[in-house]
Amino acid sequence: MNIKSFAVILAPLVSFLGSCATDEANRYYSPVRYPEKAPSQVAILTSRPAHDFIVIADFQSRGENAKAMQRKAAKIGADAVIVVPLGGYYSLGDQWANSDSQRDSFSRIAATAIKYK
C-alpha cells in the first residue's frame, strides 16, 4: 500500500474518531456496586432533589447531552442524575437566569449520579 492510499483511508477514520464525545471525565465514589438499571428508570434532574441521597459518581463531558448522562448513571445503578450544562451562549438582553433564552446551548455538561437513602 502506498502512502497516498494509506492517507485516503486514514483521514476519514481520524475525522470519525474526532467527532465522538471528547474531554470526558468520570469519578466514582461509592464502594458499593449497584445493579444496572434501564435508563428510563433514572430520573434526569436539573437541581438538588428534596429526598435525602448519596452521591455515587460525577460525570463531565464535551459533546454529550442529558440522555447520555442518564445512560451512564443507569449503568452504575443510580436512581437519578442531576445534570448541569456548562458554557454556551448568552444574550445581553436576558436579565434573569430563569429567563435565559440560550439555556439549551452548552459546550460541556456535568452530572452527578445519586442514590436515594
PDB file of N, CA and C in Angstrom:
ATOM      1  N   MET A   1       0.865  -1.174   0.000  1.00  0.00           N
ATOM      2  CA  MET A   1       0.000   0.000   0.000  1.00  0.00           C
ATOM      3  C   MET A   1       0.910   1.234   0.000  1.00  0.00           C
ATOM      4  N   ASN A   2       0.644   2.150  -0.933  1.00  0.00           N
ATOM      5  CA  ASN A   2       1.468   3.355  -0.969  1.00  0.00           C
ATOM      6  C   ASN A   2       0.950   4.400   0.013  1.00  0.00           C
ATOM      7  N   ILE A   3       1.710   5.446   0.186  1.00  0.00           N
ATOM      8  CA  ILE A   3       1.407   6.474   1.199  1.00  0.00           C
ATOM      9  C   ILE A   3       0.108   7.224   0.881  1.00  0.00           C
ATOM     10  N   LYS A   4      -0.208   7.452  -0.405  1.00  0.00           N
ATOM     11  CA  LYS A   4      -1.450   8.145  -0.767  1.00  0.00           C
ATOM     12  C   LYS A   4      -2.665   7.303  -0.400  1.00  0.00           C
ATOM     13  N   SER A   5      -2.624   6.016  -0.672  1.00  0.00           N
ATOM     14  CA  SER A   5      -3.737   5.130  -0.335  1.00  0.00           C
ATOM     15  C   SER A   5      -3.943   5.081   1.177  1.00  0.00           C
ATOM     16  N   PHE A   6      -2.841   5.017   1.902  1.00  0.00           N
ATOM     17  CA  PHE A   6      -2.924   4.994   3.360  1.00  0.00           C
ATOM     18  C   PHE A   6      -3.556   6.275   3.885  1.00  0.00           C
ATOM     19  N   ALA A   7      -3.184   7.420   3.331  1.00  0.00           N
ATOM     20  CA  ALA A   7      -3.728   8.714   3.764  1.00  0.00           C
ATOM     21  C   ALA A   7      -5.216   8.809   3.456  1.00  0.00           C
ATOM     22  N   VAL A   8      -5.644   8.271   2.311  1.00  0.00           N
ATOM     23  CA  VAL A   8      -7.059   8.305   1.937  1.00  0.00           C
ATOM     24  C   VAL A   8      -7.893   7.476   2.914  1.00  0.00           C
ATOM     25  N   ILE A   9      -7.354   6.377   3.393  1.00  0.00           N
ATOM     26  CA  ILE A   9      -8.068   5.532   4.349  1.00  0.00           C
ATOM     27  C   ILE A   9      -8.013   6.136   5.754  1.00  0.00           C
ATOM     28  N   LEU A  10      -6.881   6.685   6.125  1.00  0.00           N
ATOM     29  CA  LEU A  10      -6.687   7.195   7.480  1.00  0.00           C
ATOM     30  C   LEU A  10      -7.458   8.490   7.753  1.00  0.00           C
ATOM     31  N   ALA A  11      -7.566   9.373   6.791  1.00  0.00           N
ATOM     32  CA  ALA A  11      -8.218  10.676   7.002  1.00  0.00           C
ATOM     33  C   ALA A  11      -9.675  10.541   7.465  1.00  0.00           C
ATOM     34  N   PRO A  12     -10.519   9.743   6.803  1.00  0.00           N
ATOM     35  CA  PRO A  12     -11.898   9.608   7.294  1.00  0.00           C
ATOM     36  C   PRO A  12     -11.978   8.959   8.686  1.00  0.00           C
ATOM     37  N   LEU A  13     -11.089   8.024   8.953  1.00  0.00           N
ATOM     38  CA  LEU A  13     -11.079   7.369  10.254  1.00  0.00           C
ATOM     39  C   LEU A  13     -10.761   8.370  11.367  1.00  0.00           C
ATOM     40  N   VAL A  14      -9.763   9.187  11.171  1.00  0.00           N
ATOM     41  CA  VAL A  14      -9.399  10.200  12.161  1.00  0.00           C
ATOM     42  C   VAL A  14     -10.531  11.204  12.330  1.00  0.00           C
ATOM     43  N   SER A  15     -11.174  11.588  11.240  1.00  0.00           N
ATOM     44  CA  SER A  15     -12.302  12.522  11.303  1.00  0.00           C
ATOM     45  C   SER A  15     -13.456  11.923  12.097  1.00  0.00           C
ATOM     46  N   PHE A  16     -13.756  10.646  11.870  1.00  0.00           N
ATOM     47  CA  PHE A  16     -14.837   9.983  12.595  1.00  0.00           C
ATOM     48  C   PHE A  16     -14.539   9.914  14.087  1.00  0.00           C
ATOM     49  N   LEU A  17     -13.342   9.518  14.445  1.00  0.00           N
ATOM     50  CA  LEU A  17     -12.979   9.413  15.849  1.00  0.00           C
ATOM     51  C   LEU A  17     -12.991  10.775  16.533  1.00  0.00           C
ATOM     52  N   GLY A  18     -12.657  11.806  15.823  1.00  0.00           N
ATOM     53  CA  GLY A  18     -12.656  13.158  16.377  1.00  0.00           C
ATOM     54  C   GLY A  18     -14.047  13.700  16.615  1.00  0.00           C
ATOM     55  N   SER A  19     -15.069  13.130  15.978  1.00  0.00           N
ATOM     56  CA  SER A  19     -16.434  13.620  16.137  1.00  0.00           C
ATOM     57  C   SER A  19     -17.137  13.018  17.350  1.00  0.00           C
ATOM     58  N   CYS A  20     -16.530  12.043  17.992  1.00  0.00           N
ATOM     59  CA  CYS A  20     -17.122  11.425  19.180  1.00  0.00           C
ATOM     60  C   CYS A  20     -16.955  12.351  20.380  1.00  0.00           C
ATOM     61  N   ALA A  21     -17.624  12.012  21.479  1.00  0.00           N
ATOM     62  CA  ALA A  21     -17.514  12.813  22.702  1.00  0.00           C
ATOM     63  C   ALA A  21     -16.053  12.886  23.135  1.00  0.00           C
ATOM     64  N   THR A  22     -15.631  14.067  23.506  1.00  0.00           N
ATOM     65  CA  THR A  22     -14.258  14.269  23.944  1.00  0.00           C
ATOM     66  C   THR A  22     -14.245  14.921  25.306  1.00  0.00           C
ATOM     67  N   ASP A  23     -13.077  15.006  25.879  1.00  0.00           N
ATOM     68  CA  ASP A  23     -12.911  15.700  27.157  1.00  0.00           C
ATOM     69  C   ASP A  23     -13.847  15.107  28.201  1.00  0.00           C
ATOM     70  N   GLU A  24     -13.785  13.799  28.359  1.00  0.00           N
ATOM     71  CA  GLU A  24     -14.690  13.085  29.248  1.00  0.00           C
ATOM     72  C   GLU A  24     -13.984  12.758  30.554  1.00  0.00           C
ATOM     73  N   ALA A  25     -14.690  12.904  31.676  1.00  0.00           N
ATOM     74  CA  ALA A  25     -14.142  12.556  32.989  1.00  0.00           C
ATOM     75  C   ALA A  25     -15.237  11.899  33.810  1.00  0.00           C
ATOM     76  N   ASN A  26     -14.905  10.791  34.437  1.00  0.00           N
ATOM     77  CA  ASN A  26     -15.841  10.080  35.296  1.00  0.00           C
ATOM     78  C   ASN A  26     -15.160   9.805  36.626  1.00  0.00           C
ATOM     79  N   ARG A  27     -15.855  10.050  37.712  1.00  0.00           N
ATOM     80  CA  ARG A  27     -15.310   9.768  39.040  1.00  0.00           C
ATOM     81  C   ARG A  27     -16.381   9.048  39.849  1.00  0.00           C
ATOM     82  N   TYR A  28     -16.035   7.839  40.308  1.00  0.00           N
ATOM     83  CA  TYR A  28     -16.959   7.024  41.088  1.00  0.00           C
ATOM     84  C   TYR A  28     -16.563   7.091  42.559  1.00  0.00           C
ATOM     85  N   TYR A  29     -17.529   7.321  43.431  1.00  0.00           N
ATOM     86  CA  TYR A  29     -17.258   7.489  44.854  1.00  0.00           C
ATOM     87  C   TYR A  29     -17.711   6.310  45.701  1.00  0.00           C
ATOM     88  N   SER A  30     -18.727   5.635  45.305  1.00  0.00           N
ATOM     89  CA  SER A  30     -19.327   4.598  46.138  1.00  0.00           C
ATOM     90  C   SER A  30     -18.507   3.311  46.113  1.00  0.00           C
ATOM     91  N   PRO A  31     -18.244   2.742  47.286  1.00  0.00           N
ATOM     92  CA  PRO A  31     -17.571   1.437  47.319  1.00  0.00           C
ATOM     93  C   PRO A  31     -18.534   0.293  46.973  1.00  0.00           C
ATOM     94  N   VAL A  32     -19.836   0.595  46.957  1.00  0.00           N
ATOM     95  CA  VAL A  32     -20.868  -0.400  46.653  1.00  0.00           C
ATOM     96  C   VAL A  32     -21.102  -0.426  45.145  1.00  0.00           C
ATOM     97  N   ARG A  33     -21.234  -1.619  44.593  1.00  0.00           N
ATOM     98  CA  ARG A  33     -21.593  -1.769  43.179  1.00  0.00           C
ATOM     99  C   ARG A  33     -23.087  -2.073  43.105  1.00  0.00           C
ATOM    100  N   TYR A  34     -23.834  -1.133  42.547  1.00  0.00           N
ATOM    101  CA  TYR A  34     -25.279  -1.299  42.426  1.00  0.00           C
ATOM    102  C   TYR A  34     -25.610  -1.975  41.100  1.00  0.00           C
ATOM    103  N   PRO A  35     -26.719  -2.726  41.053  1.00  0.00           N
ATOM    104  CA  PRO A  35     -27.096  -3.367  39.787  1.00  0.00           C
ATOM    105  C   PRO A  35     -27.500  -2.334  38.735  1.00  0.00           C
ATOM    106  N   GLU A  36     -27.173  -2.628  37.510  1.00  0.00           N
ATOM    107  CA  GLU A  36     -27.513  -1.751  36.381  1.00  0.00           C
ATOM    108  C   GLU A  36     -29.031  -1.631  36.254  1.00  0.00           C
ATOM    109  N   LYS A  37     -29.471  -0.467  35.782  1.00  0.00           N
ATOM    110  CA  LYS A  37     -30.900  -0.203  35.564  1.00  0.00           C
ATOM    111  C   LYS A  37     -31.133   0.174  34.105  1.00  0.00           C
ATOM    112  N   ALA A  38     -32.386   0.162  33.718  1.00  0.00           N
ATOM    113  CA  ALA A  38     -32.763   0.698  32.410  1.00  0.00           C
ATOM    114  C   ALA A  38     -32.685   2.227  32.512  1.00  0.00           C
ATOM    115  N   PRO A  39     -32.199   2.911  31.488  1.00  0.00           N
ATOM    116  CA  PRO A  39     -32.119   4.377  31.542  1.00  0.00           C
ATOM    117  C   PRO A  39     -33.451   5.045  31.886  1.00  0.00           C
ATOM    118  N   SER A  40     -34.559   4.460  31.464  1.00  0.00           N
ATOM    119  CA  SER A  40     -35.866   5.051  31.753  1.00  0.00           C
ATOM    120  C   SER A  40     -36.196   5.047  33.248  1.00  0.00           C
ATOM    121  N   GLN A  41     -35.480   4.254  34.040  1.00  0.00           N
ATOM    122  CA  GLN A  41     -35.692   4.205  35.487  1.00  0.00           C
ATOM    123  C   GLN A  41     -34.866   5.259  36.234  1.00  0.00           C
ATOM    124  N   VAL A  42     -34.021   5.992  35.525  1.00  0.00           N
ATOM    125  CA  VAL A  42     -33.164   7.014  36.138  1.00  0.00           C
ATOM    126  C   VAL A  42     -33.740   8.390  35.809  1.00  0.00           C
ATOM    127  N   ALA A  43     -34.123   9.117  36.831  1.00  0.00           N
ATOM    128  CA  ALA A  43     -34.695  10.462  36.627  1.00  0.00           C
ATOM    129  C   ALA A  43     -33.589  11.447  36.245  1.00  0.00           C
ATOM    130  N   ILE A  44     -33.906  12.342  35.313  1.00  0.00           N
ATOM    131  CA  ILE A  44     -32.999  13.432  34.955  1.00  0.00           C
ATOM    132  C   ILE A  44     -33.475  14.673  35.707  1.00  0.00           C
ATOM    133  N   LEU A  45     -32.629  15.191  36.582  1.00  0.00           N
ATOM    134  CA  LEU A  45     -32.960  16.360  37.389  1.00  0.00           C
ATOM    135  C   LEU A  45     -32.084  17.544  36.985  1.00  0.00           C
ATOM    136  N   THR A  46     -32.571  18.744  37.232  1.00  0.00           N
ATOM    137  CA  THR A  46     -31.771  19.939  36.954  1.00  0.00           C
ATOM    138  C   THR A  46     -31.403  20.690  38.234  1.00  0.00           C
ATOM    139  N   SER A  47     -31.843  20.155  39.384  1.00  0.00           N
ATOM    140  CA  SER A  47     -31.480  20.753  40.670  1.00  0.00           C
ATOM    141  C   SER A  47     -31.514  19.671  41.746  1.00  0.00           C
ATOM    142  N   ARG A  48     -31.046  20.033  42.905  1.00  0.00           N
ATOM    143  CA  ARG A  48     -30.993  19.094  44.038  1.00  0.00           C
ATOM    144  C   ARG A  48     -32.405  18.608  44.386  1.00  0.00           C
ATOM    145  N   PRO A  49     -32.583  17.295  44.575  1.00  0.00           N
ATOM    146  CA  PRO A  49     -33.911  16.788  44.929  1.00  0.00           C
ATOM    147  C   PRO A  49     -34.221  17.019  46.408  1.00  0.00           C
ATOM    148  N   ALA A  50     -35.493  16.934  46.759  1.00  0.00           N
ATOM    149  CA  ALA A  50     -35.924  17.101  48.144  1.00  0.00           C
ATOM    150  C   ALA A  50     -35.579  15.869  48.982  1.00  0.00           C
ATOM    151  N   HIS A  51     -35.470  14.694  48.354  1.00  0.00           N
ATOM    152  CA  HIS A  51     -35.151  13.451  49.073  1.00  0.00           C
ATOM    153  C   HIS A  51     -33.708  13.465  49.557  1.00  0.00           C
ATOM    154  N   ASP A  52     -33.433  12.754  50.648  1.00  0.00           N
ATOM    155  CA  ASP A  52     -32.051  12.527  51.064  1.00  0.00           C
ATOM    156  C   ASP A  52     -31.400  11.574  50.072  1.00  0.00           C
ATOM    157  N   PHE A  53     -30.125  11.785  49.799  1.00  0.00           N
ATOM    158  CA  PHE A  53     -29.433  10.958  48.814  1.00  0.00           C
ATOM    159  C   PHE A  53     -27.949  10.892  49.132  1.00  0.00           C
ATOM    160  N   ILE A  54     -27.281   9.955  48.465  1.00  0.00           N
ATOM    161  CA  ILE A  54     -25.822   9.906  48.484  1.00  0.00           C
ATOM    162  C   ILE A  54     -25.336  10.053  47.049  1.00  0.00           C
ATOM    163  N   VAL A  55     -24.183  10.665  46.896  1.00  0.00           N
ATOM    164  CA  VAL A  55     -23.576  10.823  45.572  1.00  0.00           C
ATOM    165  C   VAL A  55     -22.749   9.577  45.294  1.00  0.00           C
ATOM    166  N   ILE A  56     -22.991   8.955  44.142  1.00  0.00           N
ATOM    167  CA  ILE A  56     -22.205   7.773  43.797  1.00  0.00           C
ATOM    168  C   ILE A  56     -21.213   8.028  42.673  1.00  0.00           C
ATOM    169  N   ALA A  57     -21.424   9.086  41.885  1.00  0.00           N
ATOM    170  CA  ALA A  57     -20.474   9.375  40.804  1.00  0.00           C
ATOM    171  C   ALA A  57     -20.699  10.775  40.248  1.00  0.00           C
ATOM    172  N   ASP A  58     -19.651  11.306  39.629  1.00  0.00           N
ATOM    173  CA  ASP A  58     -19.728  12.553  38.859  1.00  0.00           C
ATOM    174  C   ASP A  58     -19.241  12.269  37.450  1.00  0.00           C
ATOM    175  N   PHE A  59     -19.898  12.879  36.484  1.00  0.00           N
ATOM    176  CA  PHE A  59     -19.517  12.744  35.078  1.00  0.00           C
ATOM    177  C   PHE A  59     -19.340  14.139  34.489  1.00  0.00           C
ATOM    178  N   GLN A  60     -18.398  14.275  33.577  1.00  0.00           N
ATOM    179  CA  GLN A  60     -18.251  15.501  32.793  1.00  0.00           C
ATOM    180  C   GLN A  60     -17.939  15.098  31.370  1.00  0.00           C
ATOM    181  N   SER A  61     -18.440  15.871  30.429  1.00  0.00           N
ATOM    182  CA  SER A  61     -18.182  15.544  29.034  1.00  0.00           C
ATOM    183  C   SER A  61     -18.376  16.759  28.145  1.00  0.00           C
ATOM    184  N   ARG A  62     -17.751  16.721  27.027  1.00  0.00           N
ATOM    185  CA  ARG A  62     -17.954  17.701  25.967  1.00  0.00           C
ATOM    186  C   ARG A  62     -18.525  16.912  24.790  1.00  0.00           C
ATOM    187  N   GLY A  63     -19.636  17.347  24.272  1.00  0.00           N
ATOM    188  CA  GLY A  63     -20.208  16.678  23.105  1.00  0.00           C
ATOM    189  C   GLY A  63     -21.282  15.658  23.435  1.00  0.00           C
ATOM    190  N   GLU A  64     -21.756  15.613  24.683  1.00  0.00           N
ATOM    191  CA  GLU A  64     -22.847  14.711  25.031  1.00  0.00           C
ATOM    192  C   GLU A  64     -24.013  15.531  25.580  1.00  0.00           C
ATOM    193  N   ASN A  65     -25.102  14.845  25.886  1.00  0.00           N
ATOM    194  CA  ASN A  65     -26.293  15.545  26.378  1.00  0.00           C
ATOM    195  C   ASN A  65     -26.835  14.851  27.627  1.00  0.00           C
ATOM    196  N   ALA A  66     -27.973  15.328  28.131  1.00  0.00           N
ATOM    197  CA  ALA A  66     -28.558  14.783  29.363  1.00  0.00           C
ATOM    198  C   ALA A  66     -28.896  13.300  29.232  1.00  0.00           C
ATOM    199  N   LYS A  67     -29.358  12.874  28.072  1.00  0.00           N
ATOM    200  CA  LYS A  67     -29.693  11.457  27.864  1.00  0.00           C
ATOM    201  C   LYS A  67     -28.445  10.577  27.990  1.00  0.00           C
ATOM    202  N   ALA A  68     -27.304  11.067  27.510  1.00  0.00           N
ATOM    203  CA  ALA A  68     -26.051  10.311  27.645  1.00  0.00           C
ATOM    204  C   ALA A  68     -25.658  10.191  29.109  1.00  0.00           C
ATOM    205  N   MET A  69     -25.864  11.253  29.882  1.00  0.00           N
ATOM    206  CA  MET A  69     -25.568  11.213  31.312  1.00  0.00           C
ATOM    207  C   MET A  69     -26.523  10.239  32.025  1.00  0.00           C
ATOM    208  N   GLN A  70     -27.773  10.210  31.576  1.00  0.00           N
ATOM    209  CA  GLN A  70     -28.763   9.281  32.133  1.00  0.00           C
ATOM    210  C   GLN A  70     -28.333   7.830  31.879  1.00  0.00           C
ATOM    211  N   ARG A  71     -27.829   7.550  30.677  1.00  0.00           N
ATOM    212  CA  ARG A  71     -27.369   6.192  30.352  1.00  0.00           C
ATOM    213  C   ARG A  71     -26.171   5.791  31.221  1.00  0.00           C
ATOM    214  N   LYS A  72     -25.241   6.726  31.436  1.00  0.00           N
ATOM    215  CA  LYS A  72     -24.079   6.437  32.290  1.00  0.00           C
ATOM    216  C   LYS A  72     -24.535   6.146  33.723  1.00  0.00           C
ATOM    217  N   ALA A  73     -25.456   6.958  34.218  1.00  0.00           N
ATOM    218  CA  ALA A  73     -25.963   6.773  35.581  1.00  0.00           C
ATOM    219  C   ALA A  73     -26.702   5.438  35.706  1.00  0.00           C
ATOM    220  N   ALA A  74     -27.433   5.045  34.679  1.00  0.00           N
ATOM    221  CA  ALA A  74     -28.165   3.775  34.701  1.00  0.00           C
ATOM    222  C   ALA A  74     -27.200   2.593  34.788  1.00  0.00           C
ATOM    223  N   LYS A  75     -26.067   2.698  34.128  1.00  0.00           N
ATOM    224  CA  LYS A  75     -25.087   1.607  34.146  1.00  0.00           C
ATOM    225  C   LYS A  75     -24.529   1.349  35.539  1.00  0.00           C
ATOM    226  N   ILE A  76     -24.522   2.370  36.392  1.00  0.00           N
ATOM    227  CA  ILE A  76     -23.989   2.186  37.740  1.00  0.00           C
ATOM    228  C   ILE A  76     -25.099   2.110  38.788  1.00  0.00           C
ATOM    229  N   GLY A  77     -26.356   1.996  38.349  1.00  0.00           N
ATOM    230  CA  GLY A  77     -27.470   1.763  39.255  1.00  0.00           C
ATOM    231  C   GLY A  77     -27.989   2.976  39.990  1.00  0.00           C
ATOM    232  N   ALA A  78     -27.777   4.175  39.461  1.00  0.00           N
ATOM    233  CA  ALA A  78     -28.264   5.394  40.111  1.00  0.00           C
ATOM    234  C   ALA A  78     -29.783   5.486  40.038  1.00  0.00           C
ATOM    235  N   ASP A  79     -30.364   6.188  41.002  1.00  0.00           N
ATOM    236  CA  ASP A  79     -31.802   6.461  40.985  1.00  0.00           C
ATOM    237  C   ASP A  79     -32.112   7.712  40.169  1.00  0.00           C
ATOM    238  N   ALA A  80     -31.163   8.643  40.155  1.00  0.00           N
ATOM    239  CA  ALA A  80     -31.354   9.899  39.424  1.00  0.00           C
ATOM    240  C   ALA A  80     -29.985  10.466  39.054  1.00  0.00           C
ATOM    241  N   VAL A  81     -30.012  11.420  38.121  1.00  0.00           N
ATOM    242  CA  VAL A  81     -28.797  12.121  37.734  1.00  0.00           C
ATOM    243  C   VAL A  81     -29.129  13.613  37.663  1.00  0.00           C
ATOM    244  N   ILE A  82     -28.325  14.409  38.357  1.00  0.00           N
ATOM    245  CA  ILE A  82     -28.506  15.862  38.355  1.00  0.00           C
ATOM    246  C   ILE A  82     -27.601  16.416  37.266  1.00  0.00           C
ATOM    247  N   VAL A  83     -28.195  17.041  36.255  1.00  0.00           N
ATOM    248  CA  VAL A  83     -27.471  17.476  35.067  1.00  0.00           C
ATOM    249  C   VAL A  83     -27.321  19.001  35.062  1.00  0.00           C
ATOM    250  N   VAL A  84     -26.108  19.453  34.769  1.00  0.00           N
ATOM    251  CA  VAL A  84     -25.824  20.886  34.700  1.00  0.00           C
ATOM    252  C   VAL A  84     -25.074  21.172  33.407  1.00  0.00           C
ATOM    253  N   PRO A  85     -25.698  21.898  32.464  1.00  0.00           N
ATOM    254  CA  PRO A  85     -24.970  22.301  31.270  1.00  0.00           C
ATOM    255  C   PRO A  85     -23.986  23.419  31.616  1.00  0.00           C
ATOM    256  N   LEU A  86     -22.816  23.389  31.000  1.00  0.00           N
ATOM    257  CA  LEU A  86     -21.772  24.383  31.262  1.00  0.00           C
ATOM    258  C   LEU A  86     -21.374  25.068  29.971  1.00  0.00           C
ATOM    259  N   GLY A  87     -21.006  26.326  30.065  1.00  0.00           N
ATOM    260  CA  GLY A  87     -20.608  27.071  28.877  1.00  0.00           C
ATOM    261  C   GLY A  87     -21.819  27.420  28.034  1.00  0.00           C
ATOM    262  N   GLY A  88     -21.615  27.703  26.793  1.00  0.00           N
ATOM    263  CA  GLY A  88     -22.713  28.022  25.894  1.00  0.00           C
ATOM    264  C   GLY A  88     -22.833  29.499  25.606  1.00  0.00           C
ATOM    265  N   TYR A  89     -23.887  29.862  24.943  1.00  0.00           N
ATOM    266  CA  TYR A  89     -24.127  31.239  24.532  1.00  0.00           C
ATOM    267  C   TYR A  89     -24.949  31.984  25.574  1.00  0.00           C
ATOM    268  N   TYR A  90     -24.918  33.278  25.505  1.00  0.00           N
ATOM    269  CA  TYR A  90     -25.776  34.090  26.356  1.00  0.00           C
ATOM    270  C   TYR A  90     -26.215  35.312  25.578  1.00  0.00           C
ATOM    271  N   SER A  91     -27.305  35.890  26.010  1.00  0.00           N
ATOM    272  CA  SER A  91     -27.847  37.073  25.360  1.00  0.00           C
ATOM    273  C   SER A  91     -27.778  38.244  26.334  1.00  0.00           C
ATOM    274  N   LEU A  92     -27.283  39.369  25.886  1.00  0.00           N
ATOM    275  CA  LEU A  92     -27.195  40.550  26.740  1.00  0.00           C
ATOM    276  C   LEU A  92     -28.582  41.053  27.144  1.00  0.00           C
ATOM    277  N   GLY A  93     -29.607  40.690  26.401  1.00  0.00           N
ATOM    278  CA  GLY A  93     -30.967  41.122  26.703  1.00  0.00           C
ATOM    279  C   GLY A  93     -31.617  40.331  27.829  1.00  0.00           C
ATOM    280  N   ASP A  94     -31.040  39.187  28.200  1.00  0.00           N
ATOM    281  CA  ASP A  94     -31.604  38.377  29.285  1.00  0.00           C
ATOM    282  C   ASP A  94     -31.110  38.915  30.624  1.00  0.00           C
ATOM    283  N   GLN A  95     -32.040  39.363  31.464  1.00  0.00           N
ATOM    284  CA  GLN A  95     -31.652  39.930  32.750  1.00  0.00           C
ATOM    285  C   GLN A  95     -31.674  38.911  33.878  1.00  0.00           C
ATOM    286  N   TRP A  96     -32.489  37.877  33.766  1.00  0.00           N
ATOM    287  CA  TRP A  96     -32.655  36.921  34.853  1.00  0.00           C
ATOM    288  C   TRP A  96     -32.279  35.533  34.369  1.00  0.00           C
ATOM    289  N   ALA A  97     -31.609  34.789  35.241  1.00  0.00           N
ATOM    290  CA  ALA A  97     -31.147  33.451  34.865  1.00  0.00           C
ATOM    291  C   ALA A  97     -32.303  32.525  34.493  1.00  0.00           C
ATOM    292  N   ASN A  98     -33.462  32.676  35.154  1.00  0.00           N
ATOM    293  CA  ASN A  98     -34.571  31.769  34.852  1.00  0.00           C
ATOM    294  C   ASN A  98     -35.264  32.092  33.532  1.00  0.00           C
ATOM    295  N   SER A  99     -34.887  33.188  32.882  1.00  0.00           N
ATOM    296  CA  SER A  99     -35.447  33.503  31.566  1.00  0.00           C
ATOM    297  C   SER A  99     -34.341  33.530  30.510  1.00  0.00           C
ATOM    298  N   ASP A 100     -33.341  32.672  30.688  1.00  0.00           N
ATOM    299  CA  ASP A 100     -32.197  32.592  29.777  1.00  0.00           C
ATOM    300  C   ASP A 100     -32.645  32.022  28.431  1.00  0.00           C
ATOM    301  N   SER A 101     -32.644  32.852  27.402  1.00  0.00           N
ATOM    302  CA  SER A 101     -33.099  32.411  26.085  1.00  0.00           C
ATOM    303  C   SER A 101     -32.115  31.440  25.426  1.00  0.00           C
ATOM    304  N   GLN A 102     -30.890  31.354  25.924  1.00  0.00           N
ATOM    305  CA  GLN A 102     -29.874  30.473  25.342  1.00  0.00           C
ATOM    306  C   GLN A 102     -29.577  29.259  26.234  1.00  0.00           C
ATOM    307  N   ARG A 103     -30.491  28.919  27.145  1.00  0.00           N
ATOM    308  CA  ARG A 103     -30.218  27.861  28.117  1.00  0.00           C
ATOM    309  C   ARG A 103     -29.988  26.487  27.493  1.00  0.00           C
ATOM    310  N   ASP A 104     -30.451  26.275  26.290  1.00  0.00           N
ATOM    311  CA  ASP A 104     -30.247  24.981  25.649  1.00  0.00           C
ATOM    312  C   ASP A 104     -28.941  24.886  24.874  1.00  0.00           C
ATOM    313  N   SER A 105     -28.154  25.958  24.891  1.00  0.00           N
ATOM    314  CA  SER A 105     -26.853  25.900  24.231  1.00  0.00           C
ATOM    315  C   SER A 105     -25.795  25.686  25.312  1.00  0.00           C
ATOM    316  N   PHE A 106     -24.931  24.710  25.109  1.00  0.00           N
ATOM    317  CA  PHE A 106     -23.852  24.471  26.064  1.00  0.00           C
ATOM    318  C   PHE A 106     -22.716  23.772  25.345  1.00  0.00           C
ATOM    319  N   SER A 107     -21.513  23.935  25.873  1.00  0.00           N
ATOM    320  CA  SER A 107     -20.359  23.302  25.265  1.00  0.00           C
ATOM    321  C   SER A 107     -19.887  22.093  26.067  1.00  0.00           C
ATOM    322  N   ARG A 108     -20.220  22.051  27.348  1.00  0.00           N
ATOM    323  CA  ARG A 108     -19.863  20.928  28.207  1.00  0.00           C
ATOM    324  C   ARG A 108     -21.069  20.597  29.082  1.00  0.00           C
ATOM    325  N   ILE A 109     -21.012  19.409  29.664  1.00  0.00           N
ATOM    326  CA  ILE A 109     -22.094  19.007  30.559  1.00  0.00           C
ATOM    327  C   ILE A 109     -21.481  18.285  31.755  1.00  0.00           C
ATOM    328  N   ALA A 110     -22.015  18.549  32.919  1.00  0.00           N
ATOM    329  CA  ALA A 110     -21.595  17.871  34.134  1.00  0.00           C
ATOM    330  C   ALA A 110     -22.824  17.226  34.753  1.00  0.00           C
ATOM    331  N   ALA A 111     -22.625  16.093  35.393  1.00  0.00           N
ATOM    332  CA  ALA A 111     -23.754  15.392  36.006  1.00  0.00           C
ATOM    333  C   ALA A 111     -23.294  14.670  37.269  1.00  0.00           C
ATOM    334  N   THR A 112     -24.203  14.570  38.203  1.00  0.00           N
ATOM    335  CA  THR A 112     -23.948  13.849  39.450  1.00  0.00           C
ATOM    336  C   THR A 112     -24.975  12.734  39.578  1.00  0.00           C
ATOM    337  N   ALA A 113     -24.481  11.497  39.626  1.00  0.00           N
ATOM    338  CA  ALA A 113     -25.353  10.333  39.790  1.00  0.00           C
ATOM    339  C   ALA A 113     -25.609  10.127  41.273  1.00  0.00           C
ATOM    340  N   ILE A 114     -26.885   9.949  41.638  1.00  0.00           N
ATOM    341  CA  ILE A 114     -27.241   9.827  43.053  1.00  0.00           C
ATOM    342  C   ILE A 114     -28.071   8.574  43.309  1.00  0.00           C
ATOM    343  N   LYS A 115     -28.056   8.173  44.558  1.00  0.00           N
ATOM    344  CA  LYS A 115     -28.867   7.049  45.042  1.00  0.00           C
ATOM    345  C   LYS A 115     -29.654   7.579  46.224  1.00  0.00           C
ATOM    346  N   TYR A 116     -30.966   7.400  46.214  1.00  0.00           N
ATOM    347  CA  TYR A 116     -31.809   7.872  47.321  1.00  0.00           C
ATOM    348  C   TYR A 116     -31.577   6.992  48.562  1.00  0.00           C
ATOM    349  N   LYS A 117     -31.635   7.630  49.744  1.00  0.00           N
ATOM    350  CA  LYS A 117     -31.484   6.898  51.016  1.00  0.00           C
ATOM    351  C   LYS A 117     -32.801   6.243  51.395  1.00  0.00           C
TER     352      LYS A 117
END
